[in-house]
Amino acid sequence: MYDVEVGLDPAFTVGTVDPRLYGSFVEHMGRCVYGGIFEPDHPTADEHGFRQDVADLVRELGVTTIRYPGGNFVSGYRWEDGVGPVAERPRRLDLAWRSLEPNTVGTDEFCRWARGVGIDPIMAVNLGTRGVDAAVDLLEYTNFAPGSTSTADRRVANGNKDPHAVGTWCLGNEMDGPWQVGHKTADEYGRLAAETARAMRRADPDLELVACGSSNGAMPTFGTWERTVLEHTYDLVDHISLHAYFEPVGGDVDSFMASSEDMRRMITAIAATADHVGAVRRSGKRLTISFDEWNVWYQHRFSGQAGLDVNENAPLIEDVYDVTDAVVVGDLLMALLDHCDRVAIACQAQLVNVIAPIMTRIGGPAWRQTIFHPFALTARHARGTVLRAAVRTAPLPTQRYGDVPGTRVTAVQDPETGALTLLAANRNRTEPARLTVPLRAFDQHGRRPRLLEHVAIADADPSATNTAEHPDRVVPRPVTGTVLDGEQTLTATLPPSSWHLIRLGD
């Protein structure tokens, strides 16, 4: 067993958590939409064809915002195909995933569904095969009031009188990637993004706009792409995006357990790049990051887009997640929280079936994957102000990142109630950790915090998974032996390969 000592003080803070940190992502890909959120013949389907068992799980997950409709899909998407009478909508070949898109679900259907489950949609526009005109038309269709423009009246004629009021818009998707339909150089994309942003802001100056950053940290243009793009767009956008997926490369599980070190490095590097551009421009503006695709994804199992046969709603990258994956996902959430001063939006990719926390069977059940639980617990309880946690812990040697902290700890305090939430990930696969957290600084006016709950994702078998037949094989379980003593010192034991939520309050 090794020791983990944490220093906390409510006076030392990182920043306030933007609720959009708990976002997700829905792309027209595989069974995310058709056979995922939407299945008209399912026993639980509502009058619009959306599965209510899935909707219930989405609410439980605590998702606050969803990016739509892609992803790679958006770079060849004609939004007009997905509005109007369903029977008249064209079937198209989606070049991103070589699928036949029926366009049964489009802008109106998705926005109504999202609002129905209490979620704010984020809309992405096509800057791969299209540009300024299509983006402004979609903005008018989605947001403008009845009678304002003919495009807005088209929405009304399609049965949607009220505007969808989408406030955040992504200017394309992964335009740095050679796999992207309409892939561009940084200068080409930067200029198009600036032109589109300028036009969209003339239509609605209150929009929040996201420029495309790097598709992953291993891109040869990482950093330089952002610099060039922001030289074009800095004064026109609010956020720069980042994407990252993680897996145990070559069976290196220790490095996989420390994946959040790479996420932390990416955030720090791109925040510095944005600040450099701002400094050169003598700007007082401070851009934030939209980490609008992140998750565990076993990419070595995917043969790539070029090897796909033309299909219709075929299963695609439906990874099954185990306990180890859940610990990594919990740790990645902690990294986002620890950088909440720079990360305003984050979207776990994707929501249903496609590398997702929720899985479904056609005509059958929906269930929670292991990674569902750290997301749901964090989204429910880690709201408020992130505190600076000074953590002393034994190092964990890794091939990819060198020595990293064996345990990471994140603390979030509710400024209204004073309630404190501690998140902890023991990345060591063989050694438990003895956690010690003095909390005397939180004894305010004689109101001492008390221990409310300690639950963990842990299992003697780190490869355990949830299935349709055994949906609750891996769930958060109470941890015994956690103590908050009379000196207001919290002590707990964290088993190997485990993720924890500890709540304290009145």
Protein backbone atom coordinates (compact mmCIF):
# COMPACT_ATOMS: atom_id res chain seq x y z
CA MET A 1 0.00 0.00 0.00
CA TYR A 2 1.19 3.52 -0.76
CA ASP A 3 0.18 6.88 0.73
CA VAL A 4 -1.77 9.68 -0.96
CA GLU A 5 -1.91 12.96 0.94
CA VAL A 6 -4.11 15.78 -0.32
CA GLY A 7 -3.96 19.45 0.70
CA LEU A 8 -7.14 21.48 0.13
CA ASP A 9 -8.32 24.95 1.04
CA PRO A 10 -11.55 26.58 -0.18
CA ALA A 11 -9.65 29.82 -0.78
CA PHE A 12 -7.51 28.28 -3.52
CA THR A 13 -9.58 27.62 -6.62
CA VAL A 14 -9.17 26.68 -10.30
CA GLY A 15 -12.46 28.01 -11.60
CA THR A 16 -16.18 27.40 -11.94
CA VAL A 17 -17.47 24.32 -13.75
CA ASP A 18 -19.41 25.20 -16.90
CA PRO A 19 -22.35 22.73 -17.02
CA ARG A 20 -21.47 22.11 -20.68
CA LEU A 21 -18.44 20.16 -19.47
CA TYR A 22 -20.89 17.26 -19.19
CA GLY A 23 -21.74 17.12 -22.86
CA SER A 24 -22.11 14.25 -25.31
CA PHE A 25 -22.09 13.72 -29.05
CA VAL A 26 -24.59 12.27 -31.52
CA GLU A 27 -23.43 11.58 -35.07
CA HIS A 28 -25.22 9.90 -37.95
CA MET A 29 -22.89 6.94 -37.71
CA GLY A 30 -23.50 3.25 -37.11
CA ARG A 31 -26.41 2.76 -34.71
CA CYS A 32 -26.12 5.99 -32.76
CA VAL A 33 -29.24 7.57 -34.29
CA TYR A 34 -31.07 4.76 -36.10
CA GLY A 35 -31.39 1.86 -33.68
CA GLY A 36 -30.03 4.02 -30.88
CA ILE A 37 -31.99 7.08 -29.85
CA PHE A 38 -34.49 6.52 -32.69
CA GLU A 39 -36.34 3.24 -33.32
CA PRO A 40 -40.00 3.73 -34.29
CA ASP A 41 -40.92 0.03 -33.95
CA HIS A 42 -39.51 -0.31 -30.43
CA PRO A 43 -42.07 -1.01 -27.65
CA THR A 44 -41.00 2.14 -25.80
CA ALA A 45 -40.96 4.47 -28.84
CA ASP A 46 -42.91 7.71 -28.52
CA GLU A 47 -45.13 9.17 -31.24
CA HIS A 48 -42.03 10.60 -32.93
CA GLY A 49 -40.15 7.27 -32.99
CA PHE A 50 -37.65 7.98 -30.20
CA ARG A 51 -36.94 5.24 -27.64
CA GLN A 52 -38.06 6.29 -24.18
CA ASP A 53 -35.93 3.69 -22.40
CA VAL A 54 -32.90 5.35 -24.01
CA ALA A 55 -34.21 8.82 -23.16
CA ASP A 56 -34.55 7.79 -19.51
CA LEU A 57 -30.93 6.61 -19.45
CA VAL A 58 -29.80 9.86 -21.12
CA ARG A 59 -31.51 11.83 -18.34
CA GLU A 60 -29.89 9.61 -15.72
CA LEU A 61 -26.50 10.08 -17.36
CA GLY A 62 -26.80 13.82 -16.69
CA VAL A 63 -25.83 15.05 -20.15
CA THR A 64 -26.24 18.82 -20.46
CA THR A 65 -25.48 19.43 -24.14
CA ILE A 66 -25.06 17.35 -27.30
CA ARG A 67 -23.05 18.14 -30.41
CA TYR A 68 -24.85 17.19 -33.65
CA PRO A 69 -24.88 15.89 -36.46
CA GLY A 70 -21.15 15.12 -36.62
CA GLY A 71 -18.38 14.33 -36.63
CA ASN A 72 -17.09 13.25 -40.01
CA PHE A 73 -20.68 12.93 -41.21
CA VAL A 74 -21.23 16.69 -41.19
CA SER A 75 -18.50 17.38 -43.76
CA GLY A 76 -20.66 16.00 -46.56
CA TYR A 77 -24.09 16.71 -45.08
CA ARG A 78 -26.80 18.75 -46.80
CA TRP A 79 -28.99 19.88 -43.93
CA GLU A 80 -31.89 20.59 -46.29
CA ASP A 81 -32.18 16.83 -46.91
CA GLY A 82 -33.25 16.33 -43.29
CA VAL A 83 -36.18 18.75 -43.09
CA GLY A 84 -39.71 18.76 -44.49
CA PRO A 85 -42.08 15.81 -45.03
CA VAL A 86 -40.19 12.62 -44.18
CA ALA A 87 -41.63 10.73 -47.15
CA GLU A 88 -40.13 13.31 -49.50
CA ARG A 89 -36.63 13.34 -48.03
CA PRO A 90 -33.89 11.88 -50.25
CA ARG A 91 -31.71 8.90 -49.43
CA ARG A 92 -28.05 9.84 -49.74
CA LEU A 93 -24.73 8.07 -49.62
CA ASP A 94 -22.77 9.38 -46.64
CA LEU A 95 -19.15 9.43 -47.78
CA ALA A 96 -17.73 9.58 -44.25
CA TRP A 97 -18.99 6.16 -43.12
CA ARG A 98 -20.16 4.77 -46.50
CA SER A 99 -23.70 4.43 -45.19
CA LEU A 100 -27.06 5.06 -46.83
CA GLU A 101 -28.61 7.96 -44.94
CA PRO A 102 -32.45 7.97 -45.03
CA ASN A 103 -32.66 11.48 -43.50
CA THR A 104 -35.59 10.38 -41.34
CA VAL A 105 -34.02 12.24 -38.42
CA GLY A 106 -32.84 15.76 -39.15
CA THR A 107 -32.51 19.15 -37.52
CA ASP A 108 -36.10 19.50 -36.30
CA GLU A 109 -36.40 15.96 -34.98
CA PHE A 110 -33.10 16.08 -33.16
CA CYS A 111 -33.66 19.51 -31.60
CA ARG A 112 -37.14 18.52 -30.37
CA TRP A 113 -35.76 15.30 -28.90
CA ALA A 114 -32.86 17.08 -27.20
CA ARG A 115 -35.10 19.70 -25.62
CA GLY A 116 -37.45 16.92 -24.53
CA VAL A 117 -34.72 15.25 -22.49
CA GLY A 118 -33.53 18.58 -21.07
CA ILE A 119 -30.47 19.02 -23.27
CA ASP A 120 -29.16 22.06 -25.16
CA PRO A 121 -28.06 21.12 -28.69
CA ILE A 122 -24.77 22.26 -30.21
CA MET A 123 -24.95 22.39 -34.01
CA ALA A 124 -22.07 21.74 -36.39
CA VAL A 125 -22.04 23.20 -39.91
CA ASN A 126 -20.55 21.66 -43.04
CA LEU A 127 -17.30 23.37 -44.00
CA GLY A 128 -16.06 20.35 -45.94
CA THR A 129 -18.17 20.39 -49.11
CA ARG A 130 -20.15 23.56 -48.33
CA GLY A 131 -19.58 26.95 -46.73
CA VAL A 132 -20.98 30.35 -45.84
CA ASP A 133 -24.37 30.24 -47.55
CA ALA A 134 -25.39 26.84 -46.20
CA ALA A 135 -24.25 27.74 -42.67
CA VAL A 136 -26.23 31.00 -42.59
CA ASP A 137 -29.28 29.31 -44.08
CA LEU A 138 -29.16 26.62 -41.39
CA LEU A 139 -28.81 29.30 -38.72
CA GLU A 140 -31.87 31.13 -40.06
CA TYR A 141 -33.85 27.90 -40.30
CA THR A 142 -32.93 26.85 -36.78
CA ASN A 143 -33.04 30.09 -34.82
CA PHE A 144 -34.96 32.87 -36.56
CA ALA A 145 -38.46 33.90 -35.52
CA PRO A 146 -41.54 33.19 -37.65
CA GLY A 147 -42.01 35.83 -40.32
CA SER A 148 -38.41 37.05 -40.15
CA THR A 149 -37.09 35.27 -43.26
CA SER A 150 -38.39 32.81 -45.81
CA THR A 151 -35.96 30.20 -44.45
CA ALA A 152 -37.41 30.58 -40.94
CA ASP A 153 -40.90 30.33 -42.39
CA ARG A 154 -39.86 27.07 -44.02
CA ARG A 155 -39.28 25.69 -40.50
CA VAL A 156 -42.72 26.92 -39.48
CA ALA A 157 -44.28 25.27 -42.53
CA ASN A 158 -42.58 22.05 -41.46
CA GLY A 159 -44.48 22.15 -38.16
CA ASN A 160 -41.96 23.91 -35.94
CA LYS A 161 -43.23 27.36 -35.06
CA ASP A 162 -40.83 28.06 -32.20
CA PRO A 163 -37.14 28.58 -33.00
CA HIS A 164 -34.81 25.86 -31.72
CA ALA A 165 -32.59 28.54 -30.10
CA VAL A 166 -29.25 26.83 -30.66
CA GLY A 167 -26.63 29.10 -29.10
CA THR A 168 -23.36 27.26 -29.80
CA TRP A 169 -22.14 26.34 -33.30
CA CYS A 170 -19.11 24.35 -34.48
CA LEU A 171 -17.41 25.60 -37.65
CA GLY A 172 -16.85 22.22 -39.28
CA ASN A 173 -15.23 19.08 -37.93
CA GLU A 174 -11.64 17.78 -37.87
CA MET A 175 -10.65 19.73 -40.95
CA ASP A 176 -6.98 18.97 -40.22
CA GLY A 177 -7.57 15.27 -40.95
CA PRO A 178 -6.77 13.81 -44.40
CA TRP A 179 -9.68 11.39 -43.84
CA GLN A 180 -12.13 14.31 -43.77
CA VAL A 181 -14.30 14.99 -46.80
CA GLY A 182 -13.17 18.45 -47.88
CA HIS A 183 -9.93 18.30 -45.87
CA LYS A 184 -8.11 21.63 -45.96
CA THR A 185 -4.83 23.17 -44.95
CA ALA A 186 -4.82 25.37 -41.87
CA ASP A 187 -4.82 28.53 -43.99
CA GLU A 188 -7.62 27.27 -46.23
CA TYR A 189 -9.76 26.26 -43.30
CA GLY A 190 -8.90 29.34 -41.24
CA ARG A 191 -10.02 31.68 -44.00
CA LEU A 192 -13.28 29.75 -44.63
CA ALA A 193 -14.00 29.55 -40.90
CA ALA A 194 -13.42 33.30 -40.55
CA GLU A 195 -15.72 34.09 -43.48
CA THR A 196 -18.41 31.80 -42.09
CA ALA A 197 -18.07 33.13 -38.56
CA ARG A 198 -18.26 36.72 -39.76
CA ALA A 199 -21.45 36.02 -41.70
CA MET A 200 -23.06 34.06 -38.86
CA ARG A 201 -22.26 36.84 -36.40
CA ARG A 202 -23.88 39.40 -38.70
CA ALA A 203 -26.99 37.25 -38.58
CA ASP A 204 -26.76 36.78 -34.79
CA PRO A 205 -23.98 38.54 -32.84
CA ASP A 206 -24.74 36.58 -29.66
CA LEU A 207 -23.71 33.16 -30.96
CA GLU A 208 -20.86 31.17 -29.45
CA LEU A 209 -18.61 29.77 -32.18
CA VAL A 210 -16.09 26.93 -32.07
CA ALA A 211 -13.18 26.76 -34.53
CA CYS A 212 -11.71 23.36 -35.42
CA GLY A 213 -8.53 22.48 -33.56
CA SER A 214 -6.51 19.30 -33.81
CA SER A 215 -8.13 15.89 -34.31
CA ASN A 216 -5.67 14.37 -31.84
CA GLY A 217 -2.41 15.16 -30.11
CA ALA A 218 -0.38 12.96 -32.46
CA MET A 219 -1.25 14.98 -35.57
CA PRO A 220 1.95 16.32 -37.20
CA THR A 221 0.32 19.76 -37.31
CA PHE A 222 -0.67 19.78 -33.61
CA GLY A 223 -0.13 23.30 -32.26
CA THR A 224 0.82 24.87 -35.57
CA TRP A 225 -2.67 24.14 -36.91
CA GLU A 226 -4.27 26.01 -34.01
CA ARG A 227 -1.88 28.93 -34.33
CA THR A 228 -2.62 29.41 -38.03
CA VAL A 229 -6.37 28.91 -37.68
CA LEU A 230 -6.58 31.36 -34.79
CA GLU A 231 -4.55 33.94 -36.69
CA HIS A 232 -7.55 34.00 -39.04
CA THR A 233 -10.36 33.57 -36.51
CA TYR A 234 -9.21 34.77 -33.07
CA ASP A 235 -11.50 37.81 -32.94
CA LEU A 236 -14.47 35.91 -34.39
CA VAL A 237 -14.69 32.72 -32.30
CA ASP A 238 -15.08 31.88 -28.62
CA HIS A 239 -13.57 28.40 -28.45
CA ILE A 240 -11.02 26.19 -30.19
CA SER A 241 -11.82 22.48 -30.30
CA LEU A 242 -9.74 19.48 -29.30
CA HIS A 243 -10.37 15.77 -29.89
CA ALA A 244 -8.69 12.78 -28.26
CA TYR A 245 -9.33 9.05 -27.94
CA PHE A 246 -7.35 6.65 -25.78
CA GLU A 247 -6.61 2.92 -25.76
CA PRO A 248 -3.93 0.56 -24.41
CA VAL A 249 -1.51 0.73 -27.34
CA GLY A 250 0.39 -2.53 -27.74
CA GLY A 251 -1.11 -3.87 -24.53
CA ASP A 252 0.55 -1.13 -22.45
CA VAL A 253 -2.13 -0.94 -19.75
CA ASP A 254 -0.09 1.13 -17.29
CA SER A 255 0.24 3.95 -19.82
CA PHE A 256 -3.44 3.55 -20.69
CA MET A 257 -4.33 4.04 -17.03
CA ALA A 258 -2.45 7.35 -17.18
CA SER A 259 -4.24 8.59 -20.34
CA SER A 260 -5.37 11.77 -18.65
CA GLU A 261 -1.74 12.93 -18.55
CA ASP A 262 -1.91 13.26 -22.35
CA MET A 263 -5.26 15.06 -22.16
CA ARG A 264 -3.81 17.47 -19.60
CA ARG A 265 -0.79 18.09 -21.84
CA MET A 266 -3.03 18.81 -24.83
CA ILE A 267 -5.16 21.31 -22.90
CA THR A 268 -2.12 23.14 -21.54
CA ALA A 269 -0.41 23.27 -24.94
CA ILE A 270 -3.41 24.56 -26.89
CA ALA A 271 -4.35 27.08 -24.20
CA ALA A 272 -0.78 28.42 -24.44
CA THR A 273 -1.01 28.50 -28.24
CA ALA A 274 -4.25 30.47 -28.10
CA ASP A 275 -2.77 32.87 -25.56
CA HIS A 276 0.26 33.38 -27.82
CA VAL A 277 -1.97 34.39 -30.71
CA GLY A 278 -3.90 36.71 -28.42
CA ALA A 279 -0.68 38.28 -27.16
CA VAL A 280 0.61 38.90 -30.67
CA ARG A 281 -2.71 40.55 -31.54
CA ARG A 282 -2.55 42.66 -28.35
CA SER A 283 -5.96 41.24 -27.50
CA GLY A 284 -7.56 41.18 -24.07
CA LYS A 285 -9.76 38.29 -25.15
CA ARG A 286 -9.17 34.84 -23.63
CA LEU A 287 -10.30 31.88 -25.71
CA THR A 288 -11.47 28.68 -24.10
CA ILE A 289 -11.40 25.08 -25.29
CA SER A 290 -14.24 22.90 -26.51
CA PHE A 291 -13.01 19.32 -25.97
CA ASP A 292 -15.93 18.14 -28.06
CA GLU A 293 -14.80 14.57 -28.77
CA TRP A 294 -13.15 12.42 -26.12
CA ASN A 295 -13.44 8.85 -24.89
CA VAL A 296 -11.80 5.46 -24.75
CA TRP A 297 -11.83 3.96 -28.25
CA TYR A 298 -10.10 0.71 -29.26
CA GLN A 299 -9.10 2.05 -32.65
CA HIS A 300 -6.82 -0.91 -33.43
CA ARG A 301 -10.01 -2.99 -33.80
CA PHE A 302 -11.36 -0.64 -36.50
CA SER A 303 -10.13 -1.26 -40.03
CA GLY A 304 -10.81 2.31 -41.11
CA GLN A 305 -13.34 4.05 -43.30
CA ALA A 306 -11.77 2.90 -46.58
CA GLY A 307 -12.52 -0.74 -45.75
CA LEU A 308 -16.23 -0.22 -45.10
CA ASP A 309 -18.85 -1.69 -47.42
CA VAL A 310 -21.84 0.48 -48.30
CA ASN A 311 -24.33 -0.19 -45.52
CA GLU A 312 -27.46 1.08 -43.84
CA ASN A 313 -27.34 1.50 -40.04
CA ALA A 314 -24.84 -1.32 -39.64
CA PRO A 315 -23.14 -1.64 -36.22
CA LEU A 316 -19.91 0.34 -36.15
CA ILE A 317 -17.23 0.58 -33.42
CA GLU A 318 -19.55 -0.73 -30.72
CA ASP A 319 -16.80 -1.18 -28.15
CA VAL A 320 -17.66 -3.01 -24.94
CA TYR A 321 -16.13 -1.35 -21.88
CA ASP A 322 -14.74 -2.95 -18.75
CA VAL A 323 -13.76 -1.77 -15.25
CA THR A 324 -10.35 -0.51 -16.40
CA ASP A 325 -12.01 1.59 -19.11
CA ALA A 326 -14.36 3.08 -16.51
CA VAL A 327 -11.44 4.10 -14.29
CA VAL A 328 -9.76 5.79 -17.26
CA VAL A 329 -12.97 7.61 -18.24
CA GLY A 330 -13.40 8.82 -14.66
CA ASP A 331 -9.82 10.07 -14.65
CA LEU A 332 -10.35 11.88 -17.98
CA LEU A 333 -13.36 13.66 -16.49
CA MET A 334 -11.15 14.73 -13.60
CA ALA A 335 -8.61 16.19 -16.04
CA LEU A 336 -11.35 18.25 -17.69
CA LEU A 337 -12.50 19.52 -14.30
CA ASP A 338 -8.95 20.36 -13.24
CA HIS A 339 -8.76 22.63 -16.30
CA CYS A 340 -12.24 24.14 -16.02
CA ASP A 341 -10.66 27.59 -16.21
CA ARG A 342 -9.83 26.84 -19.87
CA VAL A 343 -12.24 24.04 -20.87
CA ALA A 344 -15.76 25.41 -21.27
CA ILE A 345 -17.34 22.58 -23.27
CA ALA A 346 -16.61 18.85 -23.43
CA CYS A 347 -18.49 16.12 -25.31
CA GLN A 348 -17.96 12.45 -24.65
CA ALA A 349 -18.23 10.59 -27.94
CA GLN A 350 -20.69 9.13 -28.58
CA LEU A 351 -23.99 8.85 -26.69
CA VAL A 352 -25.49 5.52 -27.79
CA ASN A 353 -23.97 2.31 -29.24
CA VAL A 354 -20.99 3.93 -31.00
CA ILE A 355 -18.15 3.91 -28.41
CA ALA A 356 -20.87 4.86 -25.98
CA PRO A 357 -21.96 4.71 -22.33
CA ILE A 358 -25.40 3.44 -23.41
CA MET A 359 -25.99 0.30 -25.48
CA THR A 360 -29.18 -0.97 -27.10
CA ARG A 361 -30.51 -4.07 -28.77
CA ILE A 362 -32.92 -3.64 -31.70
CA GLY A 363 -36.39 -4.35 -30.33
CA GLY A 364 -34.83 -5.17 -26.97
CA PRO A 365 -33.29 -3.60 -23.89
CA ALA A 366 -31.01 -0.64 -23.33
CA TRP A 367 -28.32 -0.83 -20.67
CA ARG A 368 -25.51 1.09 -19.02
CA GLN A 369 -21.91 0.31 -19.94
CA THR A 370 -19.28 0.53 -17.19
CA ILE A 371 -18.23 4.00 -18.37
CA PHE A 372 -21.78 5.27 -17.79
CA HIS A 373 -21.29 5.32 -14.04
CA PRO A 374 -18.32 7.67 -13.52
CA PHE A 375 -19.89 10.13 -15.96
CA ALA A 376 -23.30 10.05 -14.27
CA LEU A 377 -21.88 10.41 -10.76
CA THR A 378 -19.56 13.24 -11.75
CA ALA A 379 -22.24 15.10 -13.71
CA ARG A 380 -24.62 14.83 -10.75
CA HIS A 381 -22.30 15.84 -7.95
CA ALA A 382 -19.25 17.71 -9.32
CA ARG A 383 -20.91 21.09 -9.81
CA GLY A 384 -19.58 24.40 -8.55
CA THR A 385 -15.98 25.45 -7.96
CA VAL A 386 -12.95 23.25 -8.61
CA LEU A 387 -10.33 23.60 -5.87
CA ARG A 388 -6.58 23.37 -6.31
CA ALA A 389 -5.59 20.00 -4.89
CA ALA A 390 -1.99 19.59 -3.74
CA VAL A 391 -1.45 15.83 -4.00
CA ARG A 392 1.56 13.93 -2.70
CA THR A 393 1.64 10.37 -3.97
CA ALA A 394 4.02 7.66 -5.08
CA PRO A 395 4.92 7.72 -8.78
CA LEU A 396 3.65 5.15 -11.24
CA PRO A 397 6.23 4.33 -13.95
CA THR A 398 4.82 4.21 -17.49
CA GLN A 399 6.44 3.58 -20.86
CA ARG A 400 4.61 6.39 -22.60
CA TYR A 401 4.54 9.20 -20.04
CA GLY A 402 7.37 8.38 -17.67
CA ASP A 403 6.63 8.63 -13.95
CA VAL A 404 3.09 9.87 -13.29
CA PRO A 405 1.08 10.25 -10.06
CA GLY A 406 -0.14 6.86 -8.87
CA THR A 407 -3.39 8.48 -7.77
CA ARG A 408 -5.11 11.60 -9.07
CA VAL A 409 -7.54 13.56 -6.86
CA THR A 410 -9.98 16.31 -7.89
CA ALA A 411 -12.09 18.40 -5.50
CA VAL A 412 -15.25 20.36 -6.34
CA GLN A 413 -17.16 22.53 -3.84
CA ASP A 414 -20.71 23.80 -4.10
CA PRO A 415 -20.37 27.53 -3.28
CA GLU A 416 -23.94 27.74 -1.97
CA THR A 417 -24.06 24.76 0.38
CA GLY A 418 -20.35 24.23 1.00
CA ALA A 419 -20.74 20.55 0.06
CA LEU A 420 -17.48 19.00 -1.09
CA THR A 421 -17.07 16.27 -3.70
CA LEU A 422 -13.80 14.39 -3.99
CA LEU A 423 -13.00 12.31 -7.07
CA ALA A 424 -10.05 9.94 -7.01
CA ALA A 425 -8.52 7.47 -9.45
CA ASN A 426 -6.01 4.89 -8.24
CA ARG A 427 -4.16 4.04 -11.45
CA ASN A 428 -1.91 1.46 -9.83
CA ARG A 429 -3.04 -2.00 -10.94
CA THR A 430 -1.45 -3.91 -8.05
CA GLU A 431 -1.23 -1.62 -5.00
CA PRO A 432 -4.03 -0.07 -2.94
CA ALA A 433 -3.66 3.55 -1.86
CA ARG A 434 -4.17 5.02 1.61
CA LEU A 435 -5.90 8.40 1.07
CA THR A 436 -5.56 11.14 3.72
CA VAL A 437 -7.31 14.52 3.35
CA PRO A 438 -7.21 17.08 6.21
CA LEU A 439 -10.42 19.14 6.06
CA ARG A 440 -9.99 21.59 8.92
CA ALA A 441 -10.02 24.49 6.45
CA PHE A 442 -13.63 23.58 5.64
CA ASP A 443 -14.78 24.00 9.27
CA GLN A 444 -16.66 27.26 8.72
CA HIS A 445 -18.37 28.98 11.67
CA GLY A 446 -18.60 25.74 13.62
CA ARG A 447 -20.24 23.87 10.70
CA ARG A 448 -18.12 20.81 10.27
CA PRO A 449 -18.59 18.68 7.17
CA ARG A 450 -19.65 15.10 7.64
CA LEU A 451 -19.12 12.08 5.43
CA LEU A 452 -22.20 11.50 3.27
CA GLU A 453 -21.14 8.85 0.79
CA HIS A 454 -18.18 6.96 -0.62
CA VAL A 455 -18.78 4.82 -3.71
CA ALA A 456 -16.33 3.29 -6.15
CA ILE A 457 -16.00 1.57 -9.49
CA ALA A 458 -13.74 -1.38 -8.69
CA ASP A 459 -13.76 -5.11 -9.15
CA ALA A 460 -11.56 -8.12 -8.45
CA ASP A 461 -11.81 -8.72 -12.20
CA PRO A 462 -10.80 -5.48 -13.98
CA SER A 463 -12.03 -6.98 -17.27
CA ALA A 464 -15.62 -7.30 -16.01
CA THR A 465 -18.27 -5.75 -18.30
CA ASN A 466 -22.00 -5.09 -18.41
CA THR A 467 -24.20 -6.85 -20.95
CA ALA A 468 -27.89 -6.99 -21.87
CA GLU A 469 -28.15 -10.22 -19.87
CA HIS A 470 -26.13 -8.88 -16.91
CA PRO A 471 -26.56 -5.10 -17.03
CA ASP A 472 -25.53 -4.54 -13.41
CA ARG A 473 -22.39 -6.66 -13.24
CA VAL A 474 -20.38 -3.44 -12.73
CA VAL A 475 -22.06 -0.66 -10.74
CA PRO A 476 -20.90 1.90 -8.16
CA ARG A 477 -20.63 0.16 -4.80
CA PRO A 478 -20.31 1.60 -1.27
CA VAL A 479 -16.80 1.57 0.17
CA THR A 480 -16.42 0.55 3.81
CA GLY A 481 -13.78 1.77 6.24
CA THR A 482 -13.78 5.42 5.15
CA VAL A 483 -13.55 7.68 8.23
CA LEU A 484 -13.82 11.40 8.97
CA ASP A 485 -12.34 11.70 12.47
CA GLY A 486 -12.73 14.33 15.17
CA GLU A 487 -9.75 16.23 13.82
CA GLN A 488 -11.59 16.54 10.51
CA THR A 489 -9.18 14.28 8.64
CA LEU A 490 -10.62 11.97 6.03
CA THR A 491 -8.99 8.60 5.53
CA ALA A 492 -9.93 5.97 2.98
CA THR A 493 -8.45 2.98 1.19
CA LEU A 494 -8.55 2.96 -2.61
CA PRO A 495 -8.22 -0.52 -4.13
CA PRO A 496 -6.00 -1.04 -7.20
CA SER A 497 -7.48 0.07 -10.52
CA SER A 498 -10.39 1.97 -8.99
CA TRP A 499 -12.32 5.22 -9.37
CA HIS A 500 -14.03 6.92 -6.43
CA LEU A 501 -16.59 9.56 -5.49
CA ILE A 502 -16.61 10.81 -1.89
CA ARG A 503 -19.19 13.38 -0.79
CA LEU A 504 -19.04 15.53 2.32
CA GLY A 505 -21.53 18.08 3.59
CA ASP A 506 -23.92 19.10 6.36
